[in-house]
């Protein structure tokens, strides 16, 4: 199948339909995603640069370990729930089952919140053994309770946004 392009109007504009129209929409969407990704990476770099300059190498390393712990524990709390949400919301949307989609989202958010709170509590209460045993960094003990507070929020965020 070849895409059809036909001229319309005296000004020389073209109307694109069929496969070519889908290709243009896809290209525009890809451009927006590429620009968003570039902005995200540039912002992350700027924040990391500023934090490293302000905190110094040692404290910035502790910050990165604390963020890594929060990310690790939020991933453990999900146990694939983010992938399941994408699958079942897509299936139920395809069936035009609006109550099913709402119920799936409610159950997914509730489970992510509950598991995030439980796993965050484990990180909060076990900060010292986790800092020394898992990360081999005793100074991290003071930062892990702060990172534990972020775990439920990261879990819910991952279920809602489903980062790639």
N, C-alpha and C. Protein backbone atom coordinates (compact mmCIF):
# COMPACT_ATOMS: atom_id res chain seq x y z
N UNK A 1 0.84 -1.19 0.00
CA UNK A 1 0.00 0.00 0.00
C UNK A 1 0.87 1.23 0.00
N UNK A 2 0.61 2.12 -0.89
CA UNK A 2 1.37 3.37 -0.89
C UNK A 2 0.51 4.46 -0.29
N UNK A 3 1.13 5.35 0.46
CA UNK A 3 0.35 6.44 1.05
C UNK A 3 -0.12 7.39 -0.03
N UNK A 4 -1.28 7.92 0.18
CA UNK A 4 -1.81 8.84 -0.82
C UNK A 4 -1.68 10.26 -0.32
N UNK A 5 -1.14 11.10 -1.19
CA UNK A 5 -0.99 12.51 -0.91
C UNK A 5 -1.64 13.25 -2.05
N UNK A 6 -2.52 14.17 -1.72
CA UNK A 6 -3.19 14.91 -2.78
C UNK A 6 -3.10 16.39 -2.48
N UNK A 7 -2.97 17.17 -3.54
CA UNK A 7 -2.89 18.61 -3.40
C UNK A 7 -4.28 19.18 -3.17
N UNK A 8 -4.33 20.18 -2.29
CA UNK A 8 -5.62 20.82 -2.07
C UNK A 8 -5.40 22.31 -1.96
N UNK A 9 -6.28 23.07 -2.52
CA UNK A 9 -6.23 24.53 -2.43
C UNK A 9 -5.24 25.13 -3.41
N UNK A 10 -5.38 26.39 -3.64
CA UNK A 10 -4.54 27.09 -4.59
C UNK A 10 -3.21 27.48 -3.98
N UNK A 11 -3.10 27.46 -2.66
CA UNK A 11 -1.88 27.89 -2.00
C UNK A 11 -0.79 26.83 -2.05
N UNK A 12 -1.09 25.64 -2.56
CA UNK A 12 -0.10 24.59 -2.68
C UNK A 12 0.05 23.75 -1.43
N UNK A 13 -0.91 23.78 -0.51
CA UNK A 13 -0.85 22.93 0.67
C UNK A 13 -1.21 21.52 0.29
N UNK A 14 -0.76 20.57 1.08
CA UNK A 14 -1.07 19.17 0.80
C UNK A 14 -1.83 18.58 1.97
N UNK A 15 -2.73 17.70 1.66
CA UNK A 15 -3.45 16.95 2.69
C UNK A 15 -2.91 15.54 2.68
N UNK A 16 -2.50 15.05 3.82
CA UNK A 16 -1.92 13.72 3.92
C UNK A 16 -2.93 12.83 4.62
N UNK A 17 -3.18 11.65 4.03
CA UNK A 17 -4.10 10.73 4.68
C UNK A 17 -3.54 9.32 4.61
N UNK A 18 -4.22 8.39 5.21
CA UNK A 18 -3.79 6.99 5.20
C UNK A 18 -2.57 6.77 6.07
N UNK A 19 -1.67 5.94 5.57
CA UNK A 19 -0.48 5.56 6.33
C UNK A 19 0.45 6.74 6.56
N UNK A 20 0.54 7.64 5.60
CA UNK A 20 1.44 8.79 5.75
C UNK A 20 0.99 9.67 6.92
N UNK A 21 -0.31 9.81 7.12
CA UNK A 21 -0.82 10.58 8.25
C UNK A 21 -0.42 9.97 9.57
N UNK A 22 -0.50 8.65 9.68
CA UNK A 22 -0.10 7.97 10.90
C UNK A 22 1.41 8.11 11.13
N UNK A 23 2.17 8.09 10.05
CA UNK A 23 3.61 8.25 10.15
C UNK A 23 3.97 9.64 10.68
N UNK A 24 3.27 10.66 10.20
CA UNK A 24 3.53 12.02 10.68
C UNK A 24 3.16 12.18 12.15
N UNK A 25 2.05 11.61 12.56
CA UNK A 25 1.64 11.68 13.97
C UNK A 25 2.67 10.96 14.84
N UNK A 26 3.15 9.81 14.39
CA UNK A 26 4.16 9.07 15.12
C UNK A 26 5.46 9.85 15.21
N UNK A 27 5.86 10.48 14.12
CA UNK A 27 7.09 11.28 14.12
C UNK A 27 6.98 12.46 15.07
N UNK A 28 5.84 13.13 15.07
CA UNK A 28 5.65 14.25 15.99
C UNK A 28 5.71 13.78 17.44
N UNK A 29 5.04 12.66 17.72
CA UNK A 29 5.07 12.11 19.08
C UNK A 29 6.48 11.71 19.49
N UNK A 30 7.24 11.14 18.58
CA UNK A 30 8.63 10.76 18.88
C UNK A 30 9.47 11.99 19.16
N UNK A 31 9.23 13.05 18.42
CA UNK A 31 9.96 14.29 18.65
C UNK A 31 9.68 14.87 20.03
N UNK A 32 8.42 14.83 20.43
CA UNK A 32 8.06 15.33 21.75
C UNK A 32 8.70 14.46 22.84
N UNK A 33 8.68 13.14 22.67
CA UNK A 33 9.31 12.25 23.65
C UNK A 33 10.81 12.47 23.71
N UNK A 34 11.46 12.66 22.56
CA UNK A 34 12.90 12.90 22.54
C UNK A 34 13.23 14.21 23.25
N UNK A 35 12.44 15.26 23.00
CA UNK A 35 12.68 16.54 23.67
C UNK A 35 12.47 16.41 25.18
N UNK A 36 11.45 15.69 25.59
CA UNK A 36 11.21 15.47 27.01
C UNK A 36 12.34 14.69 27.67
N UNK A 37 12.83 13.67 26.99
CA UNK A 37 13.95 12.88 27.52
C UNK A 37 15.21 13.73 27.64
N UNK A 38 15.47 14.54 26.63
CA UNK A 38 16.63 15.42 26.67
C UNK A 38 16.52 16.40 27.84
N UNK A 39 15.33 16.96 28.03
CA UNK A 39 15.12 17.89 29.14
C UNK A 39 15.32 17.19 30.48
N UNK A 40 14.82 15.96 30.60
CA UNK A 40 14.98 15.20 31.84
C UNK A 40 16.46 14.95 32.13
N UNK A 41 17.22 14.50 31.14
CA UNK A 41 18.64 14.22 31.36
C UNK A 41 19.41 15.49 31.69
N UNK A 42 19.10 16.59 31.01
CA UNK A 42 19.78 17.85 31.28
C UNK A 42 19.47 18.33 32.69
N UNK A 43 18.22 18.19 33.11
CA UNK A 43 17.83 18.60 34.45
C UNK A 43 18.51 17.74 35.51
N UNK A 44 18.53 16.43 35.28
CA UNK A 44 19.20 15.53 36.22
C UNK A 44 20.68 15.86 36.34
N UNK A 45 21.31 16.14 35.21
CA UNK A 45 22.73 16.49 35.23
C UNK A 45 22.95 17.77 36.02
N UNK A 46 22.12 18.77 35.79
CA UNK A 46 22.28 20.05 36.48
C UNK A 46 22.09 19.88 37.99
N UNK A 47 21.09 19.11 38.39
CA UNK A 47 20.85 18.88 39.82
C UNK A 47 22.01 18.11 40.44
N UNK A 48 22.48 17.07 39.74
CA UNK A 48 23.60 16.29 40.27
C UNK A 48 24.86 17.15 40.37
N UNK A 49 25.09 17.99 39.39
CA UNK A 49 26.25 18.87 39.41
C UNK A 49 26.17 19.83 40.60
N UNK A 50 25.01 20.45 40.78
CA UNK A 50 24.85 21.40 41.89
C UNK A 50 24.98 20.71 43.25
N UNK A 51 24.35 19.54 43.39
CA UNK A 51 24.45 18.81 44.66
C UNK A 51 25.89 18.39 44.95
N UNK A 52 26.60 17.94 43.94
CA UNK A 52 27.99 17.53 44.14
C UNK A 52 28.85 18.71 44.56
N UNK A 53 28.59 19.88 43.98
CA UNK A 53 29.36 21.07 44.33
C UNK A 53 29.03 21.55 45.76
N UNK A 54 27.75 21.49 46.11
CA UNK A 54 27.34 21.99 47.43
C UNK A 54 27.69 21.00 48.54
N UNK A 55 27.41 19.71 48.31
CA UNK A 55 27.61 18.71 49.36
C UNK A 55 29.04 18.21 49.47
N UNK A 56 29.75 18.19 48.38
CA UNK A 56 31.07 17.56 48.37
C UNK A 56 30.94 16.10 47.97
N UNK A 57 32.05 15.50 47.63
CA UNK A 57 32.04 14.14 47.08
C UNK A 57 31.49 13.11 48.06
N UNK A 58 31.92 13.17 49.30
CA UNK A 58 31.49 12.16 50.28
C UNK A 58 30.00 12.23 50.58
N UNK A 59 29.50 13.42 50.85
CA UNK A 59 28.08 13.56 51.17
C UNK A 59 27.21 13.32 49.94
N UNK A 60 27.70 13.70 48.76
CA UNK A 60 26.93 13.42 47.55
C UNK A 60 26.83 11.91 47.32
N UNK A 61 27.90 11.19 47.62
CA UNK A 61 27.86 9.73 47.52
C UNK A 61 26.83 9.12 48.47
N UNK A 62 26.76 9.65 49.69
CA UNK A 62 25.75 9.18 50.65
C UNK A 62 24.34 9.48 50.14
N UNK A 63 24.17 10.67 49.56
CA UNK A 63 22.87 11.05 48.98
C UNK A 63 22.47 10.06 47.88
N UNK A 64 23.40 9.74 47.00
CA UNK A 64 23.11 8.81 45.91
C UNK A 64 22.76 7.42 46.47
N UNK A 65 23.47 6.98 47.49
CA UNK A 65 23.15 5.69 48.11
C UNK A 65 21.76 5.70 48.75
N UNK A 66 21.39 6.79 49.40
CA UNK A 66 20.07 6.88 50.02
C UNK A 66 18.97 6.86 48.95
N UNK A 67 19.17 7.58 47.87
CA UNK A 67 18.19 7.57 46.78
C UNK A 67 18.13 6.18 46.15
N UNK A 68 19.27 5.54 46.00
CA UNK A 68 19.30 4.17 45.46
C UNK A 68 18.55 3.20 46.36
N UNK A 69 18.71 3.36 47.66
CA UNK A 69 17.99 2.49 48.61
C UNK A 69 16.49 2.70 48.49
N UNK A 70 16.05 3.95 48.41
CA UNK A 70 14.62 4.22 48.28
C UNK A 70 14.08 3.63 46.98
N UNK A 71 14.83 3.78 45.90
CA UNK A 71 14.40 3.22 44.60
C UNK A 71 14.36 1.70 44.65
N UNK A 72 15.39 1.09 45.25
CA UNK A 72 15.44 -0.36 45.37
C UNK A 72 14.26 -0.90 46.18
N UNK A 73 14.00 -0.28 47.32
CA UNK A 73 12.93 -0.76 48.18
C UNK A 73 11.54 -0.48 47.59
N UNK A 74 11.39 0.59 46.83
CA UNK A 74 10.09 0.83 46.18
C UNK A 74 9.87 -0.20 45.07
N UNK A 75 10.94 -0.57 44.38
CA UNK A 75 10.81 -1.62 43.37
C UNK A 75 10.44 -2.96 43.98
N UNK A 76 11.02 -3.26 45.12
CA UNK A 76 10.68 -4.50 45.83
C UNK A 76 9.22 -4.47 46.27
N UNK A 77 8.74 -3.31 46.69
CA UNK A 77 7.36 -3.23 47.17
C UNK A 77 6.34 -3.45 46.04
N UNK A 78 6.72 -3.17 44.81
CA UNK A 78 5.77 -3.32 43.70
C UNK A 78 5.64 -4.76 43.23
N UNK A 79 6.74 -5.49 43.18
CA UNK A 79 6.73 -6.89 42.75
C UNK A 79 5.96 -7.10 41.43
N UNK A 80 6.18 -6.24 40.46
CA UNK A 80 5.55 -6.40 39.15
C UNK A 80 4.17 -5.79 39.03
N UNK A 81 3.71 -5.12 40.05
CA UNK A 81 2.38 -4.53 40.02
C UNK A 81 2.25 -3.48 38.92
N UNK A 82 3.32 -2.73 38.66
CA UNK A 82 3.27 -1.70 37.62
C UNK A 82 3.05 -2.33 36.24
N UNK A 83 3.72 -3.46 35.97
CA UNK A 83 3.50 -4.16 34.69
C UNK A 83 2.09 -4.74 34.61
N UNK A 84 1.60 -5.28 35.71
CA UNK A 84 0.25 -5.84 35.73
C UNK A 84 -0.79 -4.76 35.48
N UNK A 85 -0.57 -3.58 36.04
CA UNK A 85 -1.52 -2.49 35.82
C UNK A 85 -1.59 -2.11 34.35
N UNK A 86 -0.45 -2.01 33.70
CA UNK A 86 -0.43 -1.67 32.27
C UNK A 86 -1.20 -2.74 31.49
N UNK A 87 -0.96 -3.99 31.79
CA UNK A 87 -1.61 -5.08 31.06
C UNK A 87 -3.13 -5.08 31.25
N UNK A 88 -3.56 -5.05 32.49
CA UNK A 88 -5.00 -5.22 32.74
C UNK A 88 -5.80 -3.96 32.42
N UNK A 89 -5.21 -2.79 32.61
CA UNK A 89 -5.92 -1.57 32.20
C UNK A 89 -6.08 -1.56 30.68
N UNK A 90 -5.05 -2.00 29.95
CA UNK A 90 -5.14 -2.05 28.49
C UNK A 90 -6.20 -3.06 28.04
N UNK A 91 -6.21 -4.21 28.67
CA UNK A 91 -7.20 -5.24 28.30
C UNK A 91 -8.62 -4.75 28.58
N UNK A 92 -8.82 -4.20 29.76
CA UNK A 92 -10.16 -3.75 30.12
C UNK A 92 -10.59 -2.53 29.32
N UNK A 93 -9.65 -1.67 28.97
CA UNK A 93 -9.98 -0.53 28.12
C UNK A 93 -10.40 -1.00 26.73
N UNK A 94 -9.71 -2.02 26.23
CA UNK A 94 -10.07 -2.58 24.93
C UNK A 94 -11.47 -3.18 24.92
N UNK A 95 -11.89 -3.69 26.05
CA UNK A 95 -13.23 -4.25 26.17
C UNK A 95 -14.27 -3.19 26.51
N UNK A 96 -13.83 -1.95 26.67
CA UNK A 96 -14.70 -0.83 27.04
C UNK A 96 -15.38 -1.08 28.39
N UNK A 97 -14.61 -1.67 29.31
CA UNK A 97 -15.10 -1.99 30.64
C UNK A 97 -14.64 -0.90 31.61
N UNK A 98 -15.34 0.22 31.62
CA UNK A 98 -14.96 1.36 32.45
C UNK A 98 -14.96 1.02 33.94
N UNK A 99 -15.98 0.33 34.46
CA UNK A 99 -15.91 -0.03 35.89
C UNK A 99 -14.73 -0.95 36.21
N UNK A 100 -14.41 -1.83 35.29
CA UNK A 100 -13.25 -2.71 35.49
C UNK A 100 -11.95 -1.93 35.52
N UNK A 101 -11.82 -0.94 34.64
CA UNK A 101 -10.61 -0.10 34.63
C UNK A 101 -10.49 0.67 35.94
N UNK A 102 -11.60 1.26 36.37
CA UNK A 102 -11.57 2.00 37.64
C UNK A 102 -11.21 1.10 38.81
N UNK A 103 -11.81 -0.07 38.85
CA UNK A 103 -11.51 -1.01 39.93
C UNK A 103 -10.07 -1.47 39.90
N UNK A 104 -9.54 -1.72 38.72
CA UNK A 104 -8.13 -2.12 38.60
C UNK A 104 -7.21 -1.02 39.09
N UNK A 105 -7.50 0.21 38.72
CA UNK A 105 -6.67 1.33 39.16
C UNK A 105 -6.76 1.50 40.67
N UNK A 106 -7.97 1.38 41.23
CA UNK A 106 -8.13 1.51 42.68
C UNK A 106 -7.38 0.42 43.43
N UNK A 107 -7.50 -0.80 42.97
CA UNK A 107 -6.81 -1.91 43.63
C UNK A 107 -5.29 -1.74 43.48
N UNK A 108 -4.84 -1.35 42.29
CA UNK A 108 -3.41 -1.16 42.07
C UNK A 108 -2.83 -0.06 42.94
N UNK A 109 -3.54 1.06 43.03
CA UNK A 109 -3.06 2.16 43.87
C UNK A 109 -3.09 1.78 45.35
N UNK A 110 -4.14 1.09 45.76
CA UNK A 110 -4.23 0.66 47.16
C UNK A 110 -3.13 -0.31 47.52
N UNK A 111 -2.90 -1.29 46.64
CA UNK A 111 -1.85 -2.28 46.92
C UNK A 111 -0.47 -1.63 46.91
N UNK A 112 -0.24 -0.71 45.96
CA UNK A 112 1.06 -0.03 45.91
C UNK A 112 1.29 0.82 47.15
N UNK A 113 0.25 1.50 47.59
CA UNK A 113 0.38 2.31 48.80
C UNK A 113 0.65 1.44 50.02
N UNK A 114 -0.13 0.38 50.17
CA UNK A 114 0.03 -0.49 51.34
C UNK A 114 1.42 -1.15 51.36
N UNK A 115 1.83 -1.70 50.23
CA UNK A 115 3.14 -2.35 50.18
C UNK A 115 4.27 -1.33 50.32
N UNK A 116 4.07 -0.13 49.77
CA UNK A 116 5.08 0.91 49.92
C UNK A 116 5.26 1.31 51.38
N UNK A 117 4.15 1.41 52.10
CA UNK A 117 4.23 1.76 53.53
C UNK A 117 4.92 0.64 54.31
N UNK A 118 4.58 -0.60 54.02
CA UNK A 118 5.19 -1.74 54.74
C UNK A 118 6.69 -1.80 54.46
N UNK A 119 7.07 -1.73 53.19
CA UNK A 119 8.49 -1.83 52.84
C UNK A 119 9.25 -0.58 53.31
N UNK A 120 8.59 0.58 53.26
CA UNK A 120 9.21 1.79 53.80
C UNK A 120 9.44 1.68 55.30
N UNK A 121 8.51 1.06 56.00
CA UNK A 121 8.67 0.85 57.44
C UNK A 121 9.84 -0.10 57.72
N UNK A 122 9.97 -1.12 56.89
CA UNK A 122 11.11 -2.03 57.04
C UNK A 122 12.43 -1.27 56.86
N UNK A 123 12.49 -0.41 55.84
CA UNK A 123 13.69 0.39 55.62
C UNK A 123 13.93 1.36 56.78
N UNK A 124 12.87 1.96 57.28
CA UNK A 124 12.98 2.91 58.39
C UNK A 124 13.48 2.23 59.66
N UNK A 125 12.84 1.11 60.00
CA UNK A 125 13.18 0.42 61.24
C UNK A 125 14.51 -0.34 61.15
N UNK A 126 14.84 -0.78 59.95
CA UNK A 126 16.08 -1.54 59.79
C UNK A 126 17.20 -0.71 59.18
N UNK A 127 17.19 0.60 59.40
CA UNK A 127 18.17 1.48 58.77
C UNK A 127 19.61 1.08 59.09
N UNK A 128 19.89 0.79 60.34
CA UNK A 128 21.28 0.48 60.71
C UNK A 128 21.78 -0.83 60.11
N UNK A 129 21.03 -1.95 60.25
CA UNK A 129 21.54 -3.19 59.63
C UNK A 129 21.58 -3.11 58.10
N UNK A 130 20.66 -2.37 57.51
CA UNK A 130 20.68 -2.24 56.05
C UNK A 130 21.87 -1.40 55.60
N UNK A 131 22.15 -0.32 56.33
CA UNK A 131 23.28 0.55 55.96
C UNK A 131 24.61 -0.19 56.09
N UNK A 132 24.76 -0.95 57.16
CA UNK A 132 26.04 -1.63 57.37
C UNK A 132 26.12 -2.96 56.63
N UNK A 133 25.03 -3.70 56.57
CA UNK A 133 25.07 -5.02 55.95
C UNK A 133 24.92 -5.00 54.44
N UNK A 134 23.96 -4.23 53.93
CA UNK A 134 23.68 -4.22 52.49
C UNK A 134 24.60 -3.26 51.75
N UNK A 135 24.78 -2.06 52.29
CA UNK A 135 25.55 -1.03 51.60
C UNK A 135 26.96 -0.86 52.14
N UNK A 136 27.29 -1.49 53.29
CA UNK A 136 28.61 -1.40 53.89
C UNK A 136 29.04 0.05 54.09
N UNK A 137 28.09 0.86 54.57
CA UNK A 137 28.33 2.29 54.79
C UNK A 137 27.60 2.75 56.04
N UNK A 138 28.25 2.70 57.20
CA UNK A 138 27.58 3.06 58.46
C UNK A 138 27.04 4.50 58.49
N UNK A 139 27.67 5.42 57.78
CA UNK A 139 27.20 6.81 57.77
C UNK A 139 25.83 6.95 57.09
N UNK A 140 25.46 5.95 56.33
CA UNK A 140 24.18 5.98 55.63
C UNK A 140 23.00 5.79 56.58
N UNK A 141 23.28 5.33 57.80
CA UNK A 141 22.22 5.05 58.78
C UNK A 141 21.35 6.27 59.04
N UNK A 142 21.92 7.45 59.06
CA UNK A 142 21.13 8.66 59.35
C UNK A 142 20.26 9.10 58.17
N UNK A 143 20.59 8.67 56.95
CA UNK A 143 19.82 9.08 55.77
C UNK A 143 18.72 8.09 55.38
N UNK A 144 18.89 6.83 55.74
CA UNK A 144 17.89 5.82 55.34
C UNK A 144 16.49 6.08 55.89
N UNK A 145 16.33 6.56 57.13
CA UNK A 145 14.96 6.86 57.57
C UNK A 145 14.30 7.94 56.71
N UNK A 146 15.06 8.91 56.24
CA UNK A 146 14.50 9.92 55.33
C UNK A 146 14.13 9.31 53.98
N UNK A 147 14.99 8.42 53.50
CA UNK A 147 14.71 7.75 52.23
C UNK A 147 13.49 6.84 52.35
N UNK A 148 13.29 6.27 53.54
CA UNK A 148 12.15 5.37 53.76
C UNK A 148 10.83 6.09 53.59
N UNK A 149 10.80 7.37 53.92
CA UNK A 149 9.57 8.15 53.76
C UNK A 149 9.18 8.26 52.29
N UNK A 150 10.16 8.24 51.41
CA UNK A 150 9.89 8.37 49.97
C UNK A 150 9.40 7.08 49.33
N UNK A 151 9.60 5.95 49.97
CA UNK A 151 9.28 4.65 49.35
C UNK A 151 7.81 4.54 48.94
N UNK A 152 6.82 4.84 49.79
CA UNK A 152 5.43 4.72 49.34
C UNK A 152 5.10 5.66 48.18
N UNK A 153 5.69 6.85 48.20
CA UNK A 153 5.43 7.80 47.12
C UNK A 153 6.04 7.33 45.81
N UNK A 154 7.23 6.75 45.88
CA UNK A 154 7.85 6.20 44.67
C UNK A 154 7.06 5.02 44.13
N UNK A 155 6.55 4.18 45.02
CA UNK A 155 5.75 3.03 44.58
C UNK A 155 4.50 3.47 43.85
N UNK A 156 3.78 4.42 44.44
CA UNK A 156 2.55 4.93 43.80
C UNK A 156 2.90 5.62 42.48
N UNK A 157 3.98 6.39 42.49
CA UNK A 157 4.40 7.08 41.27
C UNK A 157 4.74 6.09 40.16
N UNK A 158 5.41 4.99 40.50
CA UNK A 158 5.75 4.00 39.49
C UNK A 158 4.52 3.30 38.93
N UNK A 159 3.51 3.10 39.76
CA UNK A 159 2.28 2.47 39.27
C UNK A 159 1.54 3.43 38.35
N UNK A 160 1.53 4.72 38.71
CA UNK A 160 0.80 5.69 37.89
C UNK A 160 1.52 6.02 36.60
N UNK A 161 2.84 6.21 36.68
CA UNK A 161 3.58 6.68 35.51
C UNK A 161 4.15 5.54 34.68
N UNK A 162 4.43 4.43 35.31
CA UNK A 162 5.01 3.27 34.63
C UNK A 162 6.19 3.69 33.76
N UNK A 163 7.34 4.12 34.44
CA UNK A 163 8.48 4.53 33.66
C UNK A 163 9.07 3.37 32.88
N UNK A 164 9.57 3.69 31.71
CA UNK A 164 10.13 2.65 30.87
C UNK A 164 11.53 2.32 31.26
